[in-house]
Amino acid sequence: MTPPLTASSDRHILATRLLHAGLALAVIIQLLSSLVLEPAEDGHVGNLYFEIHQYGGLAAFAFVLGFWITVMVRRRGTSVGALWPWISGARLSALWTDIRSHLSTLRHLRLPVHDDNAALPSAIHGLGLLLVTAMAVSGTIYYFINQGDPDAGGLVGIVMFIHTSLANFVWAYLIGHAGFAVLQHGFNDYSLGNMWSLRPRRAQGK
C-alpha cells in the first residue's frame, strides 16, 4: 500500500517548489548576464546580454512577487515568523541558540543535522528572500525610469546604486545556499528532492 503523505515528507507545496525553481533560474541568469552585458547608454543600443538581463529581471520580479504571495497564504512550509524572527523575543532567542549549536557542530568539523524547523536556516532563507526582492524591485524600477543616461542622479541613481551594491551579496548567498544544500544532500539525511522534485515526497512505510 502507498503510504500517506506527511508534513515531513512533503513539506513544500507545489507552488513553493515551482516558484523557488523559477526564481533560482532567474537569479542565475541575472548574475551571469551581468558579467558580460553592455548597457544601452550614450545613444548606443545595449547588447543581447543586456536585453536578457532586462527581461530576466522582469521575470525575477514576477517570481519574487509570486513567492511573497505564496509565503503569506500557504498552510505548509516555513512560517512567516520563522523567516523573519527579528521582532519576536522568543524567536530571536531560539535563533541565537541555534547559531551557537551550528557553530559548535562546525568546530568539530561536522555538518549540522538537517532540521526543517531550525531557526538559523529559516532566518537565512528569509534574509535571502529580502535580498533578492531588493534586487528585483530596484532593477524593475530602473527599467521603467531609466532614460539611458549613465550619469543620471535622483531616483535613477539611487535604485542603480542599490542594485549594483547588492549584487555581490546575491552572489555570496547563491553560492553559500546551493553549496550547503549539496553538502547536506551528500553527507546528511537531507534530500534535494524535497525542494526540487515536482512530485510529492512520500513517507517510507513498512
N, C-alpha and C. Protein backbone atom coordinates (compact mmCIF):
# COMPACT_ATOMS: atom_id res chain seq x y z
N MET A 1 0.85 -1.20 0.00
CA MET A 1 0.00 0.00 0.00
C MET A 1 0.88 1.24 0.00
N THR A 2 0.51 2.26 -0.79
CA THR A 2 1.28 3.50 -0.82
C THR A 2 1.03 4.28 0.46
N PRO A 3 2.11 4.62 1.19
CA PRO A 3 1.95 5.34 2.45
C PRO A 3 1.43 6.74 2.23
N PRO A 4 0.71 7.28 3.18
CA PRO A 4 0.13 8.62 3.02
C PRO A 4 1.20 9.68 3.06
N LEU A 5 0.86 10.85 2.50
CA LEU A 5 1.74 11.99 2.59
C LEU A 5 1.75 12.51 4.02
N THR A 6 2.92 12.97 4.45
CA THR A 6 3.04 13.57 5.77
C THR A 6 3.65 14.94 5.63
N ALA A 7 3.52 15.74 6.69
CA ALA A 7 4.09 17.09 6.65
C ALA A 7 5.59 17.05 6.48
N SER A 8 6.26 16.05 7.06
CA SER A 8 7.70 15.98 6.96
C SER A 8 8.16 15.46 5.62
N SER A 9 7.35 14.58 4.97
CA SER A 9 7.77 14.00 3.72
C SER A 9 7.40 14.88 2.53
N ASP A 10 6.44 15.79 2.68
CA ASP A 10 6.02 16.67 1.60
C ASP A 10 5.89 18.08 2.17
N ARG A 11 7.00 18.61 2.64
CA ARG A 11 6.98 19.86 3.38
C ARG A 11 6.60 21.06 2.51
N HIS A 12 7.08 21.06 1.26
CA HIS A 12 6.89 22.21 0.39
C HIS A 12 5.78 21.96 -0.62
N ILE A 13 4.81 22.85 -0.65
CA ILE A 13 3.72 22.71 -1.62
C ILE A 13 4.27 22.93 -3.03
N LEU A 14 3.51 22.50 -4.03
CA LEU A 14 3.96 22.58 -5.41
C LEU A 14 4.25 24.03 -5.82
N ALA A 15 3.41 24.96 -5.39
CA ALA A 15 3.62 26.36 -5.75
C ALA A 15 4.97 26.86 -5.24
N THR A 16 5.33 26.49 -4.01
CA THR A 16 6.62 26.89 -3.45
C THR A 16 7.76 26.34 -4.27
N ARG A 17 7.67 25.07 -4.64
CA ARG A 17 8.76 24.44 -5.39
C ARG A 17 8.89 25.04 -6.79
N LEU A 18 7.77 25.30 -7.45
CA LEU A 18 7.82 25.88 -8.79
C LEU A 18 8.39 27.31 -8.75
N LEU A 19 7.92 28.11 -7.81
CA LEU A 19 8.40 29.48 -7.71
C LEU A 19 9.87 29.52 -7.29
N HIS A 20 10.27 28.62 -6.40
CA HIS A 20 11.67 28.53 -5.99
C HIS A 20 12.55 28.21 -7.19
N ALA A 21 12.13 27.25 -8.01
CA ALA A 21 12.90 26.87 -9.19
C ALA A 21 12.98 28.02 -10.19
N GLY A 22 11.85 28.67 -10.44
CA GLY A 22 11.83 29.79 -11.37
C GLY A 22 12.68 30.95 -10.90
N LEU A 23 12.59 31.26 -9.61
CA LEU A 23 13.36 32.37 -9.05
C LEU A 23 14.85 32.05 -9.07
N ALA A 24 15.21 30.81 -8.73
CA ALA A 24 16.63 30.42 -8.75
C ALA A 24 17.19 30.55 -10.16
N LEU A 25 16.45 30.07 -11.16
CA LEU A 25 16.90 30.17 -12.54
C LEU A 25 17.03 31.62 -12.97
N ALA A 26 16.05 32.45 -12.62
CA ALA A 26 16.10 33.86 -12.99
C ALA A 26 17.30 34.56 -12.36
N VAL A 27 17.58 34.26 -11.09
CA VAL A 27 18.72 34.88 -10.40
C VAL A 27 20.03 34.47 -11.05
N ILE A 28 20.16 33.18 -11.39
CA ILE A 28 21.38 32.70 -12.04
C ILE A 28 21.59 33.40 -13.38
N ILE A 29 20.52 33.51 -14.18
CA ILE A 29 20.60 34.20 -15.46
C ILE A 29 21.00 35.66 -15.27
N GLN A 30 20.42 36.31 -14.26
CA GLN A 30 20.74 37.71 -13.99
C GLN A 30 22.21 37.89 -13.62
N LEU A 31 22.70 37.04 -12.75
CA LEU A 31 24.08 37.17 -12.30
C LEU A 31 25.07 36.91 -13.44
N LEU A 32 24.81 35.87 -14.23
CA LEU A 32 25.72 35.54 -15.32
C LEU A 32 25.68 36.60 -16.42
N SER A 33 24.48 37.07 -16.77
CA SER A 33 24.38 38.09 -17.83
C SER A 33 25.00 39.41 -17.40
N SER A 34 25.00 39.70 -16.10
CA SER A 34 25.58 40.95 -15.61
C SER A 34 27.08 41.02 -15.84
N LEU A 35 27.72 39.86 -16.02
CA LEU A 35 29.17 39.83 -16.21
C LEU A 35 29.57 40.26 -17.62
N VAL A 36 28.66 40.14 -18.59
CA VAL A 36 29.03 40.38 -19.99
C VAL A 36 28.12 41.40 -20.68
N LEU A 37 27.17 41.98 -19.97
CA LEU A 37 26.25 42.90 -20.62
C LEU A 37 26.92 44.24 -20.93
N GLU A 38 26.43 44.88 -21.96
CA GLU A 38 26.82 46.24 -22.32
C GLU A 38 25.55 47.06 -22.36
N PRO A 39 25.34 47.96 -21.40
CA PRO A 39 24.05 48.66 -21.28
C PRO A 39 23.80 49.64 -22.42
N ALA A 40 22.52 49.97 -22.57
CA ALA A 40 22.12 50.98 -23.55
C ALA A 40 22.33 52.36 -22.93
N GLU A 41 23.32 53.08 -23.42
CA GLU A 41 23.61 54.41 -22.88
C GLU A 41 24.38 55.22 -23.91
N ASP A 42 24.35 56.53 -23.73
CA ASP A 42 25.04 57.45 -24.64
C ASP A 42 24.61 57.24 -26.09
N GLY A 43 23.33 56.89 -26.29
CA GLY A 43 22.82 56.71 -27.64
C GLY A 43 23.11 55.37 -28.27
N HIS A 44 23.80 54.49 -27.55
CA HIS A 44 24.12 53.17 -28.07
C HIS A 44 23.11 52.14 -27.57
N VAL A 45 22.78 51.19 -28.44
CA VAL A 45 21.86 50.12 -28.06
C VAL A 45 22.62 49.07 -27.26
N GLY A 46 21.99 48.55 -26.20
CA GLY A 46 22.63 47.52 -25.40
C GLY A 46 22.79 46.22 -26.18
N ASN A 47 23.73 45.38 -25.74
CA ASN A 47 23.93 44.11 -26.44
C ASN A 47 22.88 43.09 -26.03
N LEU A 48 22.98 41.88 -26.61
CA LEU A 48 21.99 40.83 -26.36
C LEU A 48 21.91 40.50 -24.88
N TYR A 49 23.04 40.48 -24.19
CA TYR A 49 23.05 40.10 -22.78
C TYR A 49 22.36 41.17 -21.92
N PHE A 50 22.43 42.41 -22.38
CA PHE A 50 21.69 43.46 -21.68
C PHE A 50 20.19 43.24 -21.81
N GLU A 51 19.76 42.85 -23.02
CA GLU A 51 18.34 42.56 -23.23
C GLU A 51 17.91 41.37 -22.35
N ILE A 52 18.74 40.34 -22.32
CA ILE A 52 18.43 39.18 -21.48
C ILE A 52 18.34 39.61 -20.03
N HIS A 53 19.26 40.48 -19.60
CA HIS A 53 19.27 40.94 -18.21
C HIS A 53 18.01 41.74 -17.88
N GLN A 54 17.59 42.56 -18.81
CA GLN A 54 16.40 43.37 -18.58
C GLN A 54 15.16 42.50 -18.41
N TYR A 55 14.92 41.64 -19.39
CA TYR A 55 13.69 40.85 -19.35
C TYR A 55 13.78 39.73 -18.31
N GLY A 56 14.98 39.24 -18.07
CA GLY A 56 15.15 38.28 -16.99
C GLY A 56 14.86 38.92 -15.64
N GLY A 57 15.19 40.21 -15.52
CA GLY A 57 14.89 40.92 -14.28
C GLY A 57 13.41 41.08 -14.05
N LEU A 58 12.67 41.35 -15.13
CA LEU A 58 11.21 41.44 -15.01
C LEU A 58 10.61 40.09 -14.62
N ALA A 59 11.16 39.01 -15.17
CA ALA A 59 10.70 37.68 -14.79
C ALA A 59 11.02 37.40 -13.33
N ALA A 60 12.21 37.81 -12.89
CA ALA A 60 12.60 37.63 -11.49
C ALA A 60 11.64 38.37 -10.57
N PHE A 61 11.24 39.57 -10.96
CA PHE A 61 10.28 40.34 -10.15
C PHE A 61 8.95 39.59 -10.04
N ALA A 62 8.50 39.02 -11.16
CA ALA A 62 7.25 38.26 -11.14
C ALA A 62 7.35 37.05 -10.22
N PHE A 63 8.48 36.34 -10.27
CA PHE A 63 8.67 35.18 -9.39
C PHE A 63 8.75 35.61 -7.93
N VAL A 64 9.43 36.72 -7.67
CA VAL A 64 9.52 37.23 -6.29
C VAL A 64 8.15 37.57 -5.76
N LEU A 65 7.36 38.27 -6.57
CA LEU A 65 6.01 38.65 -6.15
C LEU A 65 5.17 37.40 -5.87
N GLY A 66 5.26 36.42 -6.75
CA GLY A 66 4.53 35.17 -6.54
C GLY A 66 4.99 34.45 -5.29
N PHE A 67 6.29 34.49 -5.03
CA PHE A 67 6.83 33.82 -3.84
C PHE A 67 6.31 34.48 -2.57
N TRP A 68 6.30 35.82 -2.55
CA TRP A 68 5.78 36.52 -1.38
C TRP A 68 4.31 36.16 -1.13
N ILE A 69 3.52 36.15 -2.18
CA ILE A 69 2.10 35.81 -2.03
C ILE A 69 1.95 34.40 -1.49
N THR A 70 2.73 33.47 -2.04
CA THR A 70 2.66 32.08 -1.59
C THR A 70 3.06 31.94 -0.13
N VAL A 71 4.14 32.62 0.26
CA VAL A 71 4.60 32.55 1.65
C VAL A 71 3.52 33.04 2.60
N MET A 72 2.79 34.07 2.19
CA MET A 72 1.80 34.67 3.07
C MET A 72 0.53 33.81 3.20
N VAL A 73 0.18 33.04 2.17
CA VAL A 73 -1.10 32.34 2.19
C VAL A 73 -0.98 30.82 2.37
N ARG A 74 0.21 30.25 2.19
CA ARG A 74 0.33 28.80 2.26
C ARG A 74 0.10 28.30 3.68
N ARG A 75 -0.31 27.06 3.78
CA ARG A 75 -0.57 26.44 5.07
C ARG A 75 0.51 25.44 5.46
N ARG A 76 1.43 25.15 4.53
CA ARG A 76 2.50 24.21 4.81
C ARG A 76 3.82 24.81 4.37
N GLY A 77 4.88 24.59 5.15
CA GLY A 77 6.18 25.16 4.85
C GLY A 77 6.63 26.05 5.99
N THR A 78 7.77 26.69 5.81
CA THR A 78 8.32 27.57 6.84
C THR A 78 7.39 28.74 7.09
N SER A 79 7.11 29.02 8.35
CA SER A 79 6.19 30.10 8.70
C SER A 79 6.83 31.46 8.46
N VAL A 80 5.98 32.47 8.31
CA VAL A 80 6.47 33.84 8.12
C VAL A 80 7.31 34.27 9.32
N GLY A 81 6.87 33.93 10.53
CA GLY A 81 7.61 34.31 11.73
C GLY A 81 8.99 33.70 11.78
N ALA A 82 9.14 32.46 11.28
CA ALA A 82 10.44 31.80 11.28
C ALA A 82 11.37 32.42 10.24
N LEU A 83 10.81 32.88 9.12
CA LEU A 83 11.63 33.52 8.09
C LEU A 83 12.17 34.87 8.56
N TRP A 84 11.37 35.60 9.31
CA TRP A 84 11.79 36.92 9.79
C TRP A 84 11.55 37.00 11.30
N PRO A 85 12.49 36.46 12.09
CA PRO A 85 12.30 36.36 13.54
C PRO A 85 12.68 37.61 14.32
N TRP A 86 12.99 38.72 13.60
CA TRP A 86 13.66 39.85 14.23
C TRP A 86 12.79 40.64 15.19
N ILE A 87 11.48 40.48 15.13
CA ILE A 87 10.61 41.27 16.00
C ILE A 87 10.00 40.42 17.11
N SER A 88 10.47 39.21 17.26
CA SER A 88 9.96 38.32 18.30
C SER A 88 11.09 37.94 19.24
N GLY A 89 10.92 38.25 20.53
CA GLY A 89 11.95 37.91 21.50
C GLY A 89 12.19 36.42 21.59
N ALA A 90 11.11 35.64 21.58
CA ALA A 90 11.24 34.19 21.68
C ALA A 90 11.95 33.62 20.46
N ARG A 91 11.60 34.12 19.27
CA ARG A 91 12.24 33.61 18.05
C ARG A 91 13.71 34.05 17.97
N LEU A 92 14.02 35.25 18.44
CA LEU A 92 15.41 35.69 18.47
C LEU A 92 16.24 34.84 19.41
N SER A 93 15.66 34.50 20.55
CA SER A 93 16.36 33.64 21.50
C SER A 93 16.63 32.27 20.89
N ALA A 94 15.63 31.73 20.18
CA ALA A 94 15.81 30.44 19.51
C ALA A 94 16.86 30.54 18.41
N LEU A 95 16.91 31.68 17.74
CA LEU A 95 17.89 31.88 16.68
C LEU A 95 19.31 31.88 17.23
N TRP A 96 19.54 32.61 18.33
CA TRP A 96 20.88 32.64 18.92
C TRP A 96 21.29 31.27 19.45
N THR A 97 20.34 30.55 19.99
CA THR A 97 20.63 29.19 20.46
C THR A 97 21.03 28.30 19.29
N ASP A 98 20.31 28.44 18.18
CA ASP A 98 20.61 27.62 17.00
C ASP A 98 21.95 28.01 16.38
N ILE A 99 22.28 29.30 16.40
CA ILE A 99 23.58 29.75 15.90
C ILE A 99 24.71 29.12 16.70
N ARG A 100 24.57 29.14 18.02
CA ARG A 100 25.61 28.53 18.87
C ARG A 100 25.71 27.04 18.61
N SER A 101 24.58 26.38 18.40
CA SER A 101 24.59 24.95 18.13
C SER A 101 25.29 24.65 16.80
N HIS A 102 25.01 25.45 15.78
CA HIS A 102 25.66 25.26 14.47
C HIS A 102 27.17 25.48 14.58
N LEU A 103 27.57 26.56 15.28
CA LEU A 103 28.99 26.85 15.42
C LEU A 103 29.71 25.73 16.17
N SER A 104 29.08 25.21 17.20
CA SER A 104 29.68 24.11 17.95
C SER A 104 29.87 22.88 17.07
N THR A 105 28.87 22.57 16.26
CA THR A 105 28.96 21.42 15.37
C THR A 105 30.05 21.62 14.32
N LEU A 106 30.12 22.82 13.73
CA LEU A 106 31.11 23.10 12.71
C LEU A 106 32.52 23.10 13.27
N ARG A 107 32.67 23.52 14.52
CA ARG A 107 34.00 23.48 15.15
C ARG A 107 34.54 22.06 15.25
N HIS A 108 33.64 21.09 15.33
CA HIS A 108 34.04 19.69 15.38
C HIS A 108 34.10 19.07 13.98
N LEU A 109 34.11 19.95 12.94
CA LEU A 109 34.23 19.52 11.55
C LEU A 109 33.11 18.57 11.15
N ARG A 110 31.92 18.84 11.63
CA ARG A 110 30.74 18.05 11.26
C ARG A 110 29.66 19.00 10.74
N LEU A 111 28.83 18.47 9.85
CA LEU A 111 27.69 19.24 9.37
C LEU A 111 26.54 19.14 10.36
N PRO A 112 25.84 20.24 10.60
CA PRO A 112 24.66 20.17 11.47
C PRO A 112 23.62 19.24 10.88
N VAL A 113 22.91 18.52 11.72
CA VAL A 113 21.82 17.66 11.27
C VAL A 113 20.72 18.53 10.69
N HIS A 114 20.19 18.13 9.53
CA HIS A 114 19.15 18.93 8.91
C HIS A 114 17.86 18.87 9.72
N ASP A 115 17.30 20.06 9.96
CA ASP A 115 16.05 20.17 10.71
C ASP A 115 15.19 21.21 10.00
N ASP A 116 14.05 20.78 9.49
CA ASP A 116 13.15 21.69 8.76
C ASP A 116 12.72 22.88 9.62
N ASN A 117 12.69 22.70 10.92
CA ASN A 117 12.20 23.74 11.81
C ASN A 117 13.30 24.52 12.52
N ALA A 118 14.57 24.30 12.13
CA ALA A 118 15.68 25.00 12.77
C ALA A 118 15.58 26.50 12.51
N ALA A 119 15.94 27.29 13.52
CA ALA A 119 15.76 28.74 13.44
C ALA A 119 16.75 29.40 12.48
N LEU A 120 18.01 28.97 12.49
CA LEU A 120 19.02 29.65 11.67
C LEU A 120 18.79 29.49 10.18
N PRO A 121 18.60 28.28 9.64
CA PRO A 121 18.34 28.17 8.20
C PRO A 121 17.10 28.95 7.76
N SER A 122 16.06 28.94 8.59
CA SER A 122 14.84 29.67 8.23
C SER A 122 15.11 31.17 8.15
N ALA A 123 15.88 31.70 9.12
CA ALA A 123 16.19 33.13 9.12
C ALA A 123 17.07 33.50 7.92
N ILE A 124 18.01 32.61 7.55
CA ILE A 124 18.86 32.86 6.39
C ILE A 124 18.03 32.86 5.12
N HIS A 125 17.07 31.93 5.01
CA HIS A 125 16.18 31.92 3.85
C HIS A 125 15.39 33.23 3.78
N GLY A 126 14.93 33.71 4.91
CA GLY A 126 14.19 34.97 4.94
C GLY A 126 15.04 36.14 4.48
N LEU A 127 16.30 36.20 4.95
CA LEU A 127 17.20 37.26 4.52
C LEU A 127 17.48 37.16 3.02
N GLY A 128 17.63 35.93 2.53
CA GLY A 128 17.86 35.74 1.11
C GLY A 128 16.69 36.24 0.28
N LEU A 129 15.47 35.97 0.73
CA LEU A 129 14.29 36.44 0.01
C LEU A 129 14.23 37.96 0.01
N LEU A 130 14.56 38.60 1.13
CA LEU A 130 14.59 40.06 1.19
C LEU A 130 15.65 40.61 0.24
N LEU A 131 16.81 39.96 0.20
CA LEU A 131 17.90 40.41 -0.66
C LEU A 131 17.52 40.33 -2.13
N VAL A 132 16.97 39.20 -2.55
CA VAL A 132 16.56 39.03 -3.94
C VAL A 132 15.41 39.97 -4.28
N THR A 133 14.54 40.21 -3.31
CA THR A 133 13.43 41.15 -3.53
C THR A 133 13.96 42.56 -3.80
N ALA A 134 14.95 42.99 -3.00
CA ALA A 134 15.53 44.32 -3.20
C ALA A 134 16.18 44.44 -4.57
N MET A 135 16.85 43.37 -5.01
CA MET A 135 17.47 43.38 -6.33
C MET A 135 16.41 43.46 -7.43
N ALA A 136 15.37 42.63 -7.32
CA ALA A 136 14.34 42.59 -8.36
C ALA A 136 13.55 43.90 -8.42
N VAL A 137 13.21 44.45 -7.27
CA VAL A 137 12.43 45.70 -7.23
C VAL A 137 13.25 46.86 -7.77
N SER A 138 14.51 46.98 -7.33
CA SER A 138 15.35 48.09 -7.81
C SER A 138 15.59 47.98 -9.31
N GLY A 139 15.83 46.76 -9.80
CA GLY A 139 16.03 46.58 -11.24
C GLY A 139 14.79 46.90 -12.04
N THR A 140 13.62 46.53 -11.53
CA THR A 140 12.37 46.80 -12.23
C THR A 140 12.08 48.30 -12.27
N ILE A 141 12.31 48.97 -11.16
CA ILE A 141 12.12 50.43 -11.14
C ILE A 141 13.06 51.10 -12.14
N TYR A 142 14.30 50.65 -12.17
CA TYR A 142 15.27 51.23 -13.11
C TYR A 142 14.83 51.00 -14.55
N TYR A 143 14.28 49.83 -14.82
CA TYR A 143 13.82 49.52 -16.20
C TYR A 143 12.80 50.54 -16.68
N PHE A 144 11.92 50.98 -15.79
CA PHE A 144 10.82 51.87 -16.20
C PHE A 144 11.19 53.34 -16.16
N ILE A 145 12.21 53.72 -15.39
CA ILE A 145 12.52 55.16 -15.27
C ILE A 145 13.83 55.55 -15.93
N ASN A 146 14.67 54.56 -16.30
CA ASN A 146 15.96 54.90 -16.90
C ASN A 146 15.78 55.50 -18.28
N GLN A 147 16.55 56.57 -18.56
CA GLN A 147 16.49 57.24 -19.86
C GLN A 147 17.79 57.05 -20.66
N GLY A 148 18.61 56.08 -20.25
CA GLY A 148 19.85 55.81 -20.97
C GLY A 148 21.00 56.74 -20.61
N ASP A 149 20.87 57.49 -19.52
CA ASP A 149 21.93 58.39 -19.08
C ASP A 149 22.72 57.72 -17.96
N PRO A 150 23.99 57.34 -18.20
CA PRO A 150 24.75 56.64 -17.16
C PRO A 150 25.09 57.51 -15.96
N ASP A 151 24.98 58.83 -16.12
CA ASP A 151 25.32 59.74 -15.02
C ASP A 151 24.08 60.33 -14.35
N ALA A 152 22.92 59.75 -14.64
CA ALA A 152 21.68 60.28 -14.06
C ALA A 152 21.71 60.17 -12.54
N GLY A 153 21.19 61.20 -11.91
CA GLY A 153 21.12 61.17 -10.46
C GLY A 153 19.70 60.92 -10.01
N GLY A 154 19.33 61.47 -8.87
CA GLY A 154 17.98 61.32 -8.37
C GLY A 154 17.61 59.88 -8.12
N LEU A 155 16.34 59.55 -8.39
CA LEU A 155 15.84 58.21 -8.13
C LEU A 155 16.56 57.17 -9.00
N VAL A 156 16.90 57.54 -10.25
CA VAL A 156 17.62 56.61 -11.12
C VAL A 156 18.95 56.21 -10.49
N GLY A 157 19.69 57.18 -10.01
CA GLY A 157 20.98 56.90 -9.38
C GLY A 157 20.83 56.08 -8.11
N ILE A 158 19.79 56.35 -7.34
CA ILE A 158 19.59 55.63 -6.08
C ILE A 158 19.29 54.15 -6.33
N VAL A 159 18.35 53.89 -7.25
CA VAL A 159 17.98 52.49 -7.47
C VAL A 159 19.12 51.71 -8.11
N MET A 160 19.91 52.36 -8.98
CA MET A 160 21.04 51.64 -9.58
C MET A 160 22.14 51.41 -8.55
N PHE A 161 22.32 52.36 -7.62
CA PHE A 161 23.30 52.17 -6.55
C PHE A 161 22.91 50.97 -5.69
N ILE A 162 21.62 50.88 -5.34
CA ILE A 162 21.13 49.74 -4.55
C ILE A 162 21.33 48.45 -5.33
N HIS A 163 20.97 48.46 -6.60
CA HIS A 163 21.03 47.26 -7.44
C HIS A 163 22.46 46.74 -7.56
N THR A 164 23.39 47.61 -7.86
CA THR A 164 24.77 47.18 -8.05
C THR A 164 25.45 46.84 -6.72
N SER A 165 25.09 47.56 -5.66
CA SER A 165 25.73 47.32 -4.36
C SER A 165 25.36 45.95 -3.78
N LEU A 166 24.15 45.49 -4.07
CA LEU A 166 23.69 44.22 -3.51
C LEU A 166 24.10 43.01 -4.35
N ALA A 167 24.64 43.25 -5.54
CA ALA A 167 24.96 42.14 -6.44
C ALA A 167 25.91 41.13 -5.81
N ASN A 168 26.98 41.60 -5.16
CA ASN A 168 27.95 40.68 -4.55
C ASN A 168 27.32 39.87 -3.43
N PHE A 169 26.38 40.48 -2.70
CA PHE A 169 25.70 39.73 -1.64
C PHE A 169 24.83 38.62 -2.23
N VAL A 170 24.22 38.89 -3.38
CA VAL A 170 23.42 37.85 -4.04
C VAL A 170 24.32 36.71 -4.50
N TRP A 171 25.48 37.04 -5.07
CA TRP A 171 26.44 36.00 -5.44
C TRP A 171 26.80 35.14 -4.23
N ALA A 172 27.13 35.79 -3.11
CA ALA A 172 27.52 35.06 -1.91
C ALA A 172 26.39 34.18 -1.40
N TYR A 173 25.17 34.72 -1.41
CA TYR A 173 24.03 33.94 -0.92
C TYR A 173 23.77 32.74 -1.82
N LEU A 174 23.80 32.95 -3.13
CA LEU A 174 23.54 31.85 -4.07
C LEU A 174 24.57 30.74 -3.90
N ILE A 175 25.85 31.09 -3.85
CA ILE A 175 26.90 30.08 -3.72
C ILE A 175 26.79 29.37 -2.38
N GLY A 176 26.60 30.13 -1.31
CA GLY A 176 26.50 29.52 0.02
C GLY A 176 25.27 28.65 0.17
N HIS A 177 24.15 29.15 -0.31
CA HIS A 177 22.88 28.42 -0.19
C HIS A 177 22.93 27.10 -0.97
N ALA A 178 23.36 27.19 -2.23
CA ALA A 178 23.42 25.99 -3.06
C ALA A 178 24.50 25.03 -2.57
N GLY A 179 25.64 25.58 -2.18
CA GLY A 179 26.73 24.72 -1.72
C GLY A 179 26.38 23.95 -0.46
N PHE A 180 25.74 24.63 0.50
CA PHE A 180 25.40 23.94 1.74
C PHE A 180 24.31 22.90 1.50
N ALA A 181 23.37 23.19 0.59
CA ALA A 181 22.33 22.22 0.28
C ALA A 181 22.93 20.95 -0.33
N VAL A 182 23.92 21.13 -1.22
CA VAL A 182 24.58 19.97 -1.83
C VAL A 182 25.34 19.17 -0.77
N LEU A 183 26.02 19.85 0.14
CA LEU A 183 26.73 19.15 1.21
C LEU A 183 25.76 18.37 2.09
N GLN A 184 24.64 18.98 2.43
CA GLN A 184 23.64 18.29 3.25
C GLN A 184 23.10 17.07 2.52
N HIS A 185 22.91 17.21 1.20
CA HIS A 185 22.40 16.09 0.41
C HIS A 185 23.41 14.95 0.37
N GLY A 186 24.70 15.31 0.26
CA GLY A 186 25.72 14.28 0.11
C GLY A 186 26.15 13.63 1.41
N PHE A 187 26.12 14.38 2.51
CA PHE A 187 26.68 13.87 3.75
C PHE A 187 25.69 13.83 4.91
N ASN A 188 24.44 14.17 4.65
CA ASN A 188 23.47 14.19 5.74
C ASN A 188 22.19 13.52 5.25
N ASP A 189 21.13 13.66 6.03
CA ASP A 189 19.88 12.98 5.68
C ASP A 189 18.93 13.86 4.87
N TYR A 190 19.43 14.98 4.36
CA TYR A 190 18.59 15.88 3.57
C TYR A 190 18.61 15.47 2.11
N SER A 191 17.46 15.55 1.42
CA SER A 191 17.37 15.24 0.00
C SER A 191 17.00 16.48 -0.79
N LEU A 192 17.75 16.77 -1.85
CA LEU A 192 17.43 17.92 -2.70
C LEU A 192 16.05 17.78 -3.33
N GLY A 193 15.55 16.54 -3.42
CA GLY A 193 14.23 16.33 -3.96
C GLY A 193 13.13 16.95 -3.12
N ASN A 194 13.41 17.28 -1.86
CA ASN A 194 12.41 17.93 -1.02
C ASN A 194 11.95 19.25 -1.63
N MET A 195 12.87 19.94 -2.31
CA MET A 195 12.52 21.21 -2.93
C MET A 195 12.46 21.12 -4.44
N TRP A 196 13.28 20.28 -5.05
CA TRP A 196 13.43 20.32 -6.49
C TRP A 196 12.57 19.30 -7.23
N SER A 197 11.99 18.34 -6.54
CA SER A 197 11.13 17.38 -7.20
C SER A 197 9.74 17.97 -7.41
N LEU A 198 9.15 17.72 -8.57
CA LEU A 198 7.78 18.18 -8.82
C LEU A 198 6.75 17.18 -8.34
N ARG A 199 7.19 16.01 -7.90
CA ARG A 199 6.28 15.00 -7.37
C ARG A 199 6.29 15.05 -5.85
N PRO A 200 5.15 14.79 -5.21
CA PRO A 200 5.09 14.77 -3.75
C PRO A 200 6.07 13.76 -3.18
N ARG A 201 6.71 14.12 -2.07
CA ARG A 201 7.63 13.21 -1.38
C ARG A 201 6.83 12.36 -0.42
N ARG A 202 6.85 11.03 -0.60
CA ARG A 202 6.04 10.16 0.21
C ARG A 202 6.87 9.53 1.31
N ALA A 203 6.25 9.39 2.46
CA ALA A 203 6.93 8.80 3.61
C ALA A 203 7.20 7.33 3.34
N GLN A 204 8.26 6.84 3.95
CA GLN A 204 8.59 5.43 3.81
C GLN A 204 7.85 4.62 4.88
N GLY A 205 6.96 3.75 4.47
CA GLY A 205 6.23 2.93 5.42
C GLY A 205 6.67 1.49 5.39
N LYS A 206 6.18 0.72 6.27
CA LYS A 206 6.53 -0.69 6.31
C LYS A 206 5.65 -1.47 5.34
